């Protein structure tokens, strides 16, 4: 359920440069921000830059941690 609210703390509604303070720093380094930058660049036929690689690295890292952890917890609970 928490994943549903993930895009709200990103640059979906406002550019990262206009968000000030700690929230701007938080938004700048979230994986959702890089995915949104990549999709926006692809839809507007602009150069993607590093945002596609950063998005793939973030989500690959999250999957590399989440998949073994969830399978270990599943085996522990139902084995």
N, C-alpha and C. Protein backbone atom coordinates (compact mmCIF):
# COMPACT_ATOMS: atom_id res chain seq x y z
N UNK A 1 0.82 -1.19 0.00
CA UNK A 1 0.00 0.00 0.00
C UNK A 1 0.87 1.27 0.00
N UNK A 2 2.04 1.20 0.59
CA UNK A 2 2.90 2.38 0.62
C UNK A 2 3.43 2.76 -0.75
N UNK A 3 3.53 1.80 -1.66
CA UNK A 3 4.05 2.06 -3.00
C UNK A 3 3.10 2.96 -3.79
N UNK A 4 1.83 2.93 -3.43
CA UNK A 4 0.84 3.75 -4.13
C UNK A 4 1.17 5.24 -3.99
N UNK A 5 1.72 5.64 -2.85
CA UNK A 5 2.00 7.05 -2.60
C UNK A 5 3.42 7.45 -2.98
N UNK A 6 4.23 6.55 -3.52
CA UNK A 6 5.62 6.85 -3.88
C UNK A 6 5.77 7.98 -4.90
N UNK A 7 4.94 8.05 -5.94
CA UNK A 7 5.13 9.15 -6.91
C UNK A 7 4.88 10.54 -6.36
N UNK A 8 4.16 10.66 -5.24
CA UNK A 8 3.88 11.99 -4.71
C UNK A 8 5.14 12.68 -4.20
N UNK A 9 6.12 11.92 -3.71
CA UNK A 9 7.39 12.49 -3.26
C UNK A 9 8.42 12.35 -4.37
N UNK A 10 8.14 12.94 -5.50
CA UNK A 10 9.06 12.91 -6.63
C UNK A 10 8.85 14.18 -7.44
N UNK A 11 9.41 14.20 -8.62
CA UNK A 11 9.29 15.39 -9.46
C UNK A 11 8.17 15.25 -10.49
N UNK A 12 7.11 14.56 -10.13
CA UNK A 12 5.98 14.41 -11.04
C UNK A 12 5.27 15.74 -11.27
N UNK A 13 5.04 16.46 -10.21
CA UNK A 13 4.23 17.67 -10.29
C UNK A 13 5.04 18.96 -10.36
N UNK A 14 6.29 18.92 -9.91
CA UNK A 14 7.14 20.12 -9.92
C UNK A 14 8.57 19.70 -10.21
N UNK A 15 9.31 20.53 -10.94
CA UNK A 15 10.72 20.21 -11.19
C UNK A 15 11.51 20.14 -9.88
N UNK A 16 12.52 19.29 -9.87
CA UNK A 16 13.33 19.09 -8.67
C UNK A 16 14.00 20.39 -8.22
N UNK A 17 14.37 21.23 -9.16
CA UNK A 17 15.06 22.47 -8.82
C UNK A 17 14.17 23.44 -8.04
N UNK A 18 12.85 23.35 -8.18
CA UNK A 18 11.96 24.28 -7.50
C UNK A 18 11.56 23.82 -6.11
N UNK A 19 11.89 22.60 -5.75
CA UNK A 19 11.56 22.08 -4.42
C UNK A 19 12.71 22.43 -3.49
N UNK A 20 12.42 23.08 -2.40
CA UNK A 20 13.50 23.60 -1.54
C UNK A 20 13.72 22.73 -0.31
N UNK A 21 14.88 22.91 0.27
CA UNK A 21 15.20 22.31 1.55
C UNK A 21 15.42 20.81 1.52
N UNK A 22 15.10 20.19 2.63
CA UNK A 22 15.31 18.75 2.80
C UNK A 22 14.43 17.94 1.85
N UNK A 23 13.23 18.44 1.58
CA UNK A 23 12.35 17.72 0.66
C UNK A 23 12.93 17.69 -0.74
N UNK A 24 13.58 18.76 -1.17
CA UNK A 24 14.22 18.78 -2.48
C UNK A 24 15.35 17.78 -2.58
N UNK A 25 16.14 17.67 -1.51
CA UNK A 25 17.22 16.68 -1.49
C UNK A 25 16.66 15.28 -1.49
N UNK A 26 15.61 15.05 -0.71
CA UNK A 26 14.97 13.74 -0.67
C UNK A 26 14.42 13.35 -2.03
N UNK A 27 13.74 14.27 -2.68
CA UNK A 27 13.15 14.00 -4.00
C UNK A 27 14.22 13.75 -5.05
N UNK A 28 15.32 14.46 -4.96
CA UNK A 28 16.37 14.35 -5.97
C UNK A 28 16.98 12.95 -6.02
N UNK A 29 17.04 12.26 -4.90
CA UNK A 29 17.71 10.97 -4.84
C UNK A 29 16.77 9.78 -4.76
N UNK A 30 15.50 9.98 -5.02
CA UNK A 30 14.56 8.85 -5.02
C UNK A 30 14.57 8.15 -6.37
N UNK A 31 14.39 6.82 -6.39
CA UNK A 31 14.38 6.11 -7.67
C UNK A 31 13.20 6.49 -8.55
N UNK A 32 12.09 6.87 -7.96
CA UNK A 32 10.92 7.26 -8.76
C UNK A 32 11.22 8.50 -9.59
N UNK A 33 12.02 9.40 -9.06
CA UNK A 33 12.40 10.61 -9.79
C UNK A 33 13.14 10.27 -11.08
N UNK A 34 14.05 9.32 -11.02
CA UNK A 34 14.81 8.94 -12.21
C UNK A 34 13.92 8.24 -13.24
N UNK A 35 12.98 7.44 -12.78
CA UNK A 35 12.05 6.80 -13.71
C UNK A 35 11.19 7.85 -14.40
N UNK A 36 10.71 8.81 -13.65
CA UNK A 36 9.86 9.86 -14.23
C UNK A 36 10.65 10.72 -15.21
N UNK A 37 11.90 11.04 -14.87
CA UNK A 37 12.74 11.79 -15.81
C UNK A 37 12.94 11.03 -17.11
N UNK A 38 13.16 9.72 -17.01
CA UNK A 38 13.36 8.90 -18.20
C UNK A 38 12.11 8.84 -19.05
N UNK A 39 10.97 8.58 -18.44
CA UNK A 39 9.71 8.49 -19.19
C UNK A 39 9.37 9.83 -19.82
N UNK A 40 9.56 10.91 -19.08
CA UNK A 40 9.27 12.24 -19.61
C UNK A 40 10.15 12.55 -20.83
N UNK A 41 11.45 12.21 -20.75
CA UNK A 41 12.35 12.46 -21.88
C UNK A 41 11.98 11.61 -23.08
N UNK A 42 11.60 10.36 -22.85
CA UNK A 42 11.21 9.50 -23.97
C UNK A 42 9.92 9.98 -24.63
N UNK A 43 8.96 10.41 -23.83
CA UNK A 43 7.69 10.88 -24.38
C UNK A 43 7.83 12.19 -25.14
N UNK A 44 8.74 13.05 -24.70
CA UNK A 44 8.94 14.34 -25.34
C UNK A 44 10.03 14.30 -26.41
N UNK A 45 10.54 13.10 -26.69
CA UNK A 45 11.57 12.90 -27.71
C UNK A 45 12.80 13.76 -27.43
N UNK A 46 13.24 13.74 -26.18
CA UNK A 46 14.43 14.46 -25.75
C UNK A 46 15.51 13.47 -25.36
N UNK A 47 16.74 13.90 -25.22
CA UNK A 47 17.79 12.98 -24.77
C UNK A 47 17.56 12.54 -23.33
N UNK A 48 17.76 11.26 -23.09
CA UNK A 48 17.48 10.69 -21.78
C UNK A 48 18.60 10.99 -20.79
N UNK A 49 19.83 10.95 -21.24
CA UNK A 49 20.96 11.21 -20.34
C UNK A 49 21.22 10.04 -19.40
N UNK A 50 21.61 10.36 -18.19
CA UNK A 50 21.94 9.33 -17.21
C UNK A 50 20.73 8.82 -16.44
N UNK A 51 19.58 9.44 -16.59
CA UNK A 51 18.44 9.07 -15.76
C UNK A 51 17.98 7.64 -16.01
N UNK A 52 18.10 7.14 -17.23
CA UNK A 52 17.69 5.76 -17.51
C UNK A 52 18.60 4.77 -16.78
N UNK A 53 19.91 5.03 -16.83
CA UNK A 53 20.84 4.12 -16.14
C UNK A 53 20.66 4.20 -14.63
N UNK A 54 20.44 5.38 -14.11
CA UNK A 54 20.23 5.51 -12.67
C UNK A 54 18.95 4.81 -12.23
N UNK A 55 17.90 4.92 -13.05
CA UNK A 55 16.64 4.23 -12.73
C UNK A 55 16.84 2.72 -12.74
N UNK A 56 17.55 2.21 -13.75
CA UNK A 56 17.80 0.77 -13.80
C UNK A 56 18.66 0.30 -12.64
N UNK A 57 19.65 1.09 -12.26
CA UNK A 57 20.49 0.72 -11.11
C UNK A 57 19.70 0.71 -9.80
N UNK A 58 18.87 1.73 -9.60
CA UNK A 58 18.05 1.78 -8.39
C UNK A 58 17.12 0.58 -8.30
N UNK A 59 16.36 0.35 -9.37
CA UNK A 59 15.37 -0.73 -9.31
C UNK A 59 16.03 -2.10 -9.32
N UNK A 60 17.18 -2.23 -9.97
CA UNK A 60 17.93 -3.49 -9.91
C UNK A 60 18.44 -3.75 -8.50
N UNK A 61 18.93 -2.71 -7.84
CA UNK A 61 19.38 -2.85 -6.45
C UNK A 61 18.25 -3.19 -5.50
N UNK A 62 17.12 -2.55 -5.70
CA UNK A 62 15.95 -2.85 -4.86
C UNK A 62 15.51 -4.29 -5.08
N UNK A 63 15.48 -4.74 -6.33
CA UNK A 63 15.09 -6.12 -6.62
C UNK A 63 16.12 -7.12 -6.08
N UNK A 64 17.40 -6.77 -6.15
CA UNK A 64 18.46 -7.66 -5.65
C UNK A 64 18.35 -7.86 -4.15
N UNK A 65 17.83 -6.90 -3.44
CA UNK A 65 17.65 -7.05 -1.99
C UNK A 65 16.29 -7.66 -1.68
N UNK A 66 15.24 -7.22 -2.36
CA UNK A 66 13.88 -7.63 -2.02
C UNK A 66 13.57 -9.07 -2.39
N UNK A 67 14.06 -9.55 -3.53
CA UNK A 67 13.72 -10.90 -3.96
C UNK A 67 14.30 -11.97 -3.03
N UNK A 68 15.61 -11.94 -2.72
CA UNK A 68 16.11 -12.95 -1.78
C UNK A 68 15.50 -12.83 -0.38
N UNK A 69 15.27 -11.61 0.06
CA UNK A 69 14.69 -11.42 1.38
C UNK A 69 13.28 -11.96 1.45
N UNK A 70 12.47 -11.67 0.45
CA UNK A 70 11.10 -12.16 0.46
C UNK A 70 11.03 -13.67 0.31
N UNK A 71 11.89 -14.26 -0.50
CA UNK A 71 11.87 -15.73 -0.64
C UNK A 71 12.34 -16.39 0.66
N UNK A 72 13.32 -15.78 1.34
CA UNK A 72 13.77 -16.32 2.62
C UNK A 72 12.66 -16.25 3.66
N UNK A 73 11.97 -15.12 3.72
CA UNK A 73 10.86 -14.99 4.67
C UNK A 73 9.71 -15.94 4.34
N UNK A 74 9.45 -16.14 3.06
CA UNK A 74 8.38 -17.05 2.64
C UNK A 74 8.72 -18.48 3.05
N UNK A 75 9.98 -18.92 2.80
CA UNK A 75 10.38 -20.27 3.17
C UNK A 75 10.35 -20.46 4.69
N UNK A 76 10.74 -19.44 5.42
CA UNK A 76 10.75 -19.56 6.87
C UNK A 76 9.32 -19.70 7.42
N UNK A 77 8.40 -18.99 6.81
CA UNK A 77 7.03 -19.01 7.31
C UNK A 77 6.26 -20.26 6.90
N UNK A 78 6.46 -20.74 5.68
CA UNK A 78 5.64 -21.83 5.16
C UNK A 78 6.39 -23.15 4.99
N UNK A 79 7.59 -23.24 5.51
CA UNK A 79 8.30 -24.51 5.39
C UNK A 79 8.28 -25.29 6.67
